[in-house]
Amino acid sequence: MLRGCPLIIKTKDSIFLHDFRLSSHSMKKLILFLFLFTAFLKAQAAFILIPMDETQKNHLKAYGIAYYALQNTVDVQWLLNYKGGSFLLSDITKLEQECTIRGVSFQVIADVQAAAILRKSLIRK
């Protein structure tokens, strides 16, 4: 079974209407590709960085977020040599919501950024 998919292409001088047809097998491949691509984007690890320097709105509540994460079996890394002893947590939506509710400043960072911060925090000056 072929499915039609109209495509309108506008150029400077004219408009083309093209009818693409995909077999159900091709359609399944396309859907699988889109699903895997989306899953790959989600699989990229992210972290929550809670700074403890002057950019932090509420230091006491930031410690509370770290404690809350530990109670919920989330790994917490305490970066003593980075931004006043910042916390690095796995990016979990519930933790982001909790930070927002409690008024705690945070950043969501990529795994590459987290690795760079970890390397930087391990170097003692």
N, C-alpha and C. Protein backbone atom coordinates (compact mmCIF):
# COMPACT_ATOMS: atom_id res chain seq x y z
N MET A 1 0.84 -1.18 0.00
CA MET A 1 0.00 0.00 0.00
C MET A 1 0.88 1.24 0.00
N LEU A 2 0.61 2.15 -0.88
CA LEU A 2 1.38 3.39 -0.98
C LEU A 2 0.59 4.52 -0.35
N ARG A 3 1.31 5.37 0.36
CA ARG A 3 0.67 6.52 1.00
C ARG A 3 1.20 7.79 0.35
N GLY A 4 0.33 8.69 0.03
CA GLY A 4 0.73 9.94 -0.59
C GLY A 4 1.08 10.98 0.44
N CYS A 5 2.07 11.76 0.11
CA CYS A 5 2.50 12.83 1.00
C CYS A 5 2.81 14.04 0.12
N PRO A 6 1.89 14.99 -0.01
CA PRO A 6 2.14 16.13 -0.90
C PRO A 6 3.23 17.04 -0.34
N LEU A 7 4.04 17.56 -1.24
CA LEU A 7 5.10 18.48 -0.87
C LEU A 7 5.00 19.68 -1.77
N ILE A 8 4.91 20.85 -1.19
CA ILE A 8 4.84 22.08 -1.97
C ILE A 8 6.20 22.75 -1.89
N ILE A 9 6.78 23.01 -3.04
CA ILE A 9 8.09 23.65 -3.11
C ILE A 9 7.92 25.00 -3.77
N LYS A 10 8.28 26.06 -3.06
CA LYS A 10 8.18 27.40 -3.61
C LYS A 10 9.56 27.86 -4.03
N THR A 11 9.66 28.34 -5.25
CA THR A 11 10.89 28.96 -5.72
C THR A 11 10.59 30.41 -6.00
N LYS A 12 11.57 31.10 -6.50
CA LYS A 12 11.41 32.52 -6.76
C LYS A 12 10.31 32.80 -7.78
N ASP A 13 10.25 31.95 -8.81
CA ASP A 13 9.33 32.22 -9.91
C ASP A 13 8.11 31.31 -9.97
N SER A 14 8.15 30.17 -9.30
CA SER A 14 7.04 29.24 -9.46
C SER A 14 6.84 28.38 -8.22
N ILE A 15 5.75 27.63 -8.22
CA ILE A 15 5.40 26.72 -7.13
C ILE A 15 5.22 25.33 -7.72
N PHE A 16 5.87 24.34 -7.10
CA PHE A 16 5.76 22.95 -7.55
C PHE A 16 5.00 22.15 -6.51
N LEU A 17 4.15 21.29 -6.98
CA LEU A 17 3.45 20.37 -6.09
C LEU A 17 3.90 18.97 -6.47
N HIS A 18 4.53 18.29 -5.51
CA HIS A 18 5.04 16.94 -5.79
C HIS A 18 4.37 15.98 -4.82
N ASP A 19 3.98 14.83 -5.31
CA ASP A 19 3.31 13.83 -4.48
C ASP A 19 4.28 12.68 -4.22
N PHE A 20 4.83 12.61 -3.02
CA PHE A 20 5.72 11.51 -2.65
C PHE A 20 4.89 10.34 -2.17
N ARG A 21 5.28 9.16 -2.55
CA ARG A 21 4.57 7.96 -2.11
C ARG A 21 5.56 7.05 -1.41
N LEU A 22 5.18 6.60 -0.22
CA LEU A 22 6.01 5.68 0.55
C LEU A 22 5.26 4.38 0.75
N SER A 23 5.98 3.28 0.60
CA SER A 23 5.36 1.99 0.90
C SER A 23 5.23 1.86 2.41
N SER A 24 4.42 0.94 2.86
CA SER A 24 4.24 0.77 4.31
C SER A 24 5.56 0.33 4.94
N HIS A 25 6.38 -0.43 4.20
CA HIS A 25 7.69 -0.84 4.72
C HIS A 25 8.60 0.37 4.90
N SER A 26 8.61 1.26 3.92
CA SER A 26 9.42 2.48 4.01
C SER A 26 8.91 3.38 5.13
N MET A 27 7.60 3.44 5.28
CA MET A 27 7.01 4.25 6.34
C MET A 27 7.43 3.71 7.71
N LYS A 28 7.42 2.39 7.86
CA LYS A 28 7.84 1.78 9.13
C LYS A 28 9.31 2.11 9.41
N LYS A 29 10.15 2.06 8.38
CA LYS A 29 11.56 2.39 8.56
C LYS A 29 11.73 3.84 8.99
N LEU A 30 10.97 4.71 8.37
CA LEU A 30 11.04 6.13 8.72
C LEU A 30 10.61 6.36 10.17
N ILE A 31 9.53 5.74 10.57
CA ILE A 31 9.03 5.89 11.94
C ILE A 31 10.04 5.32 12.94
N LEU A 32 10.63 4.17 12.62
CA LEU A 32 11.64 3.59 13.49
C LEU A 32 12.85 4.50 13.61
N PHE A 33 13.29 5.07 12.50
CA PHE A 33 14.43 5.99 12.52
C PHE A 33 14.12 7.20 13.40
N LEU A 34 12.95 7.79 13.24
CA LEU A 34 12.58 8.95 14.05
C LEU A 34 12.51 8.61 15.53
N PHE A 35 11.98 7.43 15.84
CA PHE A 35 11.90 6.99 17.23
C PHE A 35 13.30 6.82 17.82
N LEU A 36 14.20 6.14 17.10
CA LEU A 36 15.55 5.92 17.60
C LEU A 36 16.33 7.22 17.72
N PHE A 37 16.11 8.12 16.77
CA PHE A 37 16.79 9.41 16.83
C PHE A 37 16.35 10.20 18.06
N THR A 38 15.06 10.19 18.34
CA THR A 38 14.52 10.87 19.52
C THR A 38 15.06 10.22 20.80
N ALA A 39 15.10 8.89 20.83
CA ALA A 39 15.63 8.19 22.00
C ALA A 39 17.09 8.52 22.21
N PHE A 40 17.85 8.64 21.14
CA PHE A 40 19.27 8.99 21.24
C PHE A 40 19.44 10.37 21.86
N LEU A 41 18.61 11.31 21.44
CA LEU A 41 18.70 12.66 22.01
C LEU A 41 18.39 12.65 23.50
N LYS A 42 17.41 11.84 23.90
CA LYS A 42 17.05 11.74 25.31
C LYS A 42 18.14 11.03 26.12
N ALA A 43 18.85 10.10 25.47
CA ALA A 43 19.84 9.29 26.18
C ALA A 43 21.10 10.08 26.53
N GLN A 44 21.28 11.23 25.91
CA GLN A 44 22.44 12.04 26.23
C GLN A 44 22.34 12.42 27.71
N ALA A 45 23.35 12.06 28.45
CA ALA A 45 23.31 12.30 29.89
C ALA A 45 23.38 13.80 30.18
N ALA A 46 22.64 14.21 31.17
CA ALA A 46 22.65 15.59 31.61
C ALA A 46 22.73 15.60 33.13
N PHE A 47 23.20 16.71 33.65
CA PHE A 47 23.36 16.85 35.09
C PHE A 47 22.78 18.17 35.55
N ILE A 48 22.47 18.23 36.81
CA ILE A 48 22.03 19.48 37.44
C ILE A 48 23.20 19.99 38.25
N LEU A 49 23.60 21.22 37.97
CA LEU A 49 24.66 21.88 38.73
C LEU A 49 24.02 22.90 39.64
N ILE A 50 24.23 22.74 40.94
CA ILE A 50 23.72 23.71 41.91
C ILE A 50 24.92 24.49 42.44
N PRO A 51 25.09 25.74 41.97
CA PRO A 51 26.25 26.52 42.41
C PRO A 51 26.08 26.97 43.86
N MET A 52 27.19 27.07 44.57
CA MET A 52 27.14 27.53 45.95
C MET A 52 27.94 28.81 46.14
N ASP A 53 28.14 29.54 45.04
CA ASP A 53 28.83 30.83 45.13
C ASP A 53 27.81 31.95 45.27
N GLU A 54 28.19 33.18 44.94
CA GLU A 54 27.30 34.32 45.12
C GLU A 54 26.10 34.31 44.18
N THR A 55 26.10 33.42 43.16
CA THR A 55 24.95 33.34 42.25
C THR A 55 23.78 32.55 42.85
N GLN A 56 24.05 31.83 43.92
CA GLN A 56 23.00 31.02 44.56
C GLN A 56 22.03 31.91 45.32
N LYS A 57 20.74 31.72 45.09
CA LYS A 57 19.70 32.52 45.75
C LYS A 57 19.54 32.12 47.22
N ASN A 58 19.60 30.81 47.48
CA ASN A 58 19.31 30.33 48.82
C ASN A 58 20.22 29.15 49.16
N HIS A 59 21.31 29.44 49.86
CA HIS A 59 22.31 28.42 50.15
C HIS A 59 21.76 27.30 51.04
N LEU A 60 21.00 27.65 52.05
CA LEU A 60 20.48 26.64 52.97
C LEU A 60 19.55 25.67 52.25
N LYS A 61 18.68 26.19 51.41
CA LYS A 61 17.77 25.33 50.67
C LYS A 61 18.52 24.50 49.62
N ALA A 62 19.64 25.00 49.12
CA ALA A 62 20.45 24.22 48.18
C ALA A 62 21.02 22.98 48.88
N TYR A 63 21.47 23.14 50.11
CA TYR A 63 21.91 21.96 50.90
C TYR A 63 20.74 21.00 51.08
N GLY A 64 19.55 21.57 51.27
CA GLY A 64 18.35 20.74 51.41
C GLY A 64 18.06 19.93 50.16
N ILE A 65 18.31 20.49 48.98
CA ILE A 65 18.12 19.75 47.73
C ILE A 65 19.10 18.58 47.66
N ALA A 66 20.34 18.81 48.06
CA ALA A 66 21.33 17.73 48.07
C ALA A 66 20.88 16.61 49.02
N TYR A 67 20.39 17.00 50.19
CA TYR A 67 19.92 16.02 51.16
C TYR A 67 18.71 15.26 50.61
N TYR A 68 17.78 16.00 49.97
CA TYR A 68 16.59 15.41 49.36
C TYR A 68 17.01 14.38 48.30
N ALA A 69 17.99 14.73 47.48
CA ALA A 69 18.47 13.81 46.43
C ALA A 69 19.06 12.55 47.05
N LEU A 70 19.86 12.70 48.09
CA LEU A 70 20.45 11.53 48.76
C LEU A 70 19.38 10.63 49.36
N GLN A 71 18.35 11.23 49.93
CA GLN A 71 17.25 10.44 50.49
C GLN A 71 16.54 9.63 49.41
N ASN A 72 16.56 10.14 48.19
CA ASN A 72 15.90 9.47 47.07
C ASN A 72 16.89 8.68 46.22
N THR A 73 17.99 8.27 46.82
CA THR A 73 19.04 7.44 46.22
C THR A 73 19.58 7.99 44.90
N VAL A 74 19.73 9.30 44.84
CA VAL A 74 20.37 9.95 43.69
C VAL A 74 21.80 10.29 44.10
N ASP A 75 22.75 9.94 43.23
CA ASP A 75 24.15 10.26 43.53
C ASP A 75 24.35 11.78 43.53
N VAL A 76 25.05 12.27 44.53
CA VAL A 76 25.36 13.69 44.65
C VAL A 76 26.87 13.83 44.74
N GLN A 77 27.41 14.68 43.89
CA GLN A 77 28.84 14.96 43.97
C GLN A 77 29.02 16.37 44.50
N TRP A 78 29.84 16.49 45.53
CA TRP A 78 30.08 17.78 46.15
C TRP A 78 31.41 18.28 45.61
N LEU A 79 31.36 19.34 44.82
CA LEU A 79 32.55 19.88 44.17
C LEU A 79 33.14 20.99 45.03
N LEU A 80 33.97 20.59 45.97
CA LEU A 80 34.50 21.55 46.95
C LEU A 80 35.35 22.64 46.32
N ASN A 81 36.01 22.35 45.20
CA ASN A 81 36.89 23.32 44.57
C ASN A 81 36.25 24.01 43.37
N TYR A 82 34.93 24.01 43.28
CA TYR A 82 34.26 24.62 42.13
C TYR A 82 33.06 25.44 42.58
N LYS A 83 33.08 26.71 42.26
CA LYS A 83 31.98 27.64 42.57
C LYS A 83 31.48 27.53 44.00
N GLY A 84 32.37 27.62 44.94
CA GLY A 84 31.99 27.66 46.35
C GLY A 84 31.51 26.35 46.93
N GLY A 85 31.83 25.23 46.30
CA GLY A 85 31.39 23.93 46.80
C GLY A 85 30.07 23.50 46.20
N SER A 86 29.98 23.60 44.89
CA SER A 86 28.74 23.27 44.17
C SER A 86 28.39 21.80 44.27
N PHE A 87 27.12 21.51 43.95
CA PHE A 87 26.64 20.12 43.91
C PHE A 87 26.36 19.74 42.46
N LEU A 88 26.70 18.51 42.11
CA LEU A 88 26.42 17.97 40.78
C LEU A 88 25.55 16.74 40.97
N LEU A 89 24.35 16.79 40.38
CA LEU A 89 23.38 15.70 40.52
C LEU A 89 22.95 15.21 39.15
N SER A 90 22.50 13.97 39.07
CA SER A 90 21.92 13.47 37.83
C SER A 90 20.67 14.28 37.53
N ASP A 91 20.46 14.57 36.24
CA ASP A 91 19.30 15.38 35.85
C ASP A 91 18.04 14.54 35.89
N ILE A 92 17.24 14.80 36.89
CA ILE A 92 15.95 14.13 37.08
C ILE A 92 14.91 15.24 37.18
N THR A 93 13.85 15.10 36.42
CA THR A 93 12.83 16.15 36.35
C THR A 93 12.32 16.53 37.74
N LYS A 94 12.15 15.54 38.60
CA LYS A 94 11.65 15.81 39.96
C LYS A 94 12.60 16.74 40.72
N LEU A 95 13.91 16.57 40.52
CA LEU A 95 14.87 17.44 41.20
C LEU A 95 14.81 18.86 40.64
N GLU A 96 14.64 18.98 39.34
CA GLU A 96 14.50 20.31 38.73
C GLU A 96 13.27 21.01 39.32
N GLN A 97 12.16 20.27 39.41
CA GLN A 97 10.94 20.84 39.96
C GLN A 97 11.14 21.25 41.41
N GLU A 98 11.84 20.42 42.17
CA GLU A 98 12.08 20.70 43.59
C GLU A 98 12.94 21.96 43.74
N CYS A 99 13.95 22.11 42.89
CA CYS A 99 14.78 23.32 42.93
C CYS A 99 13.94 24.56 42.64
N THR A 100 13.07 24.45 41.65
CA THR A 100 12.22 25.58 41.29
C THR A 100 11.26 25.93 42.42
N ILE A 101 10.64 24.92 43.00
CA ILE A 101 9.70 25.14 44.10
C ILE A 101 10.39 25.80 45.29
N ARG A 102 11.60 25.34 45.61
CA ARG A 102 12.31 25.86 46.79
C ARG A 102 13.10 27.14 46.51
N GLY A 103 13.13 27.59 45.27
CA GLY A 103 13.85 28.82 44.93
C GLY A 103 15.35 28.66 44.92
N VAL A 104 15.82 27.48 44.52
CA VAL A 104 17.25 27.20 44.47
C VAL A 104 17.74 27.39 43.04
N SER A 105 18.83 28.15 42.88
CA SER A 105 19.40 28.37 41.55
C SER A 105 20.08 27.09 41.08
N PHE A 106 19.88 26.75 39.80
CA PHE A 106 20.52 25.56 39.25
C PHE A 106 20.67 25.72 37.75
N GLN A 107 21.52 24.89 37.17
CA GLN A 107 21.72 24.83 35.73
C GLN A 107 21.65 23.38 35.31
N VAL A 108 21.06 23.11 34.15
CA VAL A 108 21.12 21.78 33.55
C VAL A 108 22.27 21.83 32.56
N ILE A 109 23.24 20.94 32.75
CA ILE A 109 24.42 20.93 31.89
C ILE A 109 24.59 19.56 31.23
N ALA A 110 25.27 19.53 30.10
CA ALA A 110 25.51 18.29 29.37
C ALA A 110 26.61 17.49 30.06
N ASP A 111 26.69 16.21 29.71
CA ASP A 111 27.70 15.34 30.31
C ASP A 111 29.11 15.80 30.00
N VAL A 112 29.33 16.40 28.84
CA VAL A 112 30.65 16.90 28.47
C VAL A 112 31.05 18.04 29.39
N GLN A 113 30.11 18.93 29.67
CA GLN A 113 30.38 20.04 30.59
C GLN A 113 30.66 19.52 32.00
N ALA A 114 29.89 18.54 32.42
CA ALA A 114 30.09 17.97 33.76
C ALA A 114 31.47 17.33 33.88
N ALA A 115 31.90 16.63 32.83
CA ALA A 115 33.23 16.01 32.85
C ALA A 115 34.32 17.08 32.94
N ALA A 116 34.15 18.17 32.22
CA ALA A 116 35.13 19.26 32.27
C ALA A 116 35.18 19.89 33.67
N ILE A 117 34.01 20.07 34.27
CA ILE A 117 33.95 20.64 35.62
C ILE A 117 34.60 19.69 36.63
N LEU A 118 34.34 18.40 36.50
CA LEU A 118 34.96 17.42 37.41
C LEU A 118 36.47 17.45 37.28
N ARG A 119 36.97 17.53 36.04
CA ARG A 119 38.44 17.61 35.85
C ARG A 119 38.98 18.88 36.49
N LYS A 120 38.28 19.99 36.26
CA LYS A 120 38.71 21.27 36.79
C LYS A 120 38.69 21.29 38.32
N SER A 121 37.68 20.67 38.92
CA SER A 121 37.55 20.68 40.38
C SER A 121 38.57 19.77 41.04
N LEU A 122 39.09 18.80 40.30
CA LEU A 122 40.10 17.91 40.86
C LEU A 122 41.49 18.52 40.85
N ILE A 123 41.70 19.52 40.01
CA ILE A 123 43.01 20.18 39.95
C ILE A 123 43.08 21.19 41.08
N ARG A 124 44.02 20.98 41.96
CA ARG A 124 44.17 21.90 43.10
C ARG A 124 45.21 22.94 42.77
N LYS A 125 44.89 24.17 43.09
CA LYS A 125 45.81 25.28 42.79
C LYS A 125 46.68 25.56 43.99
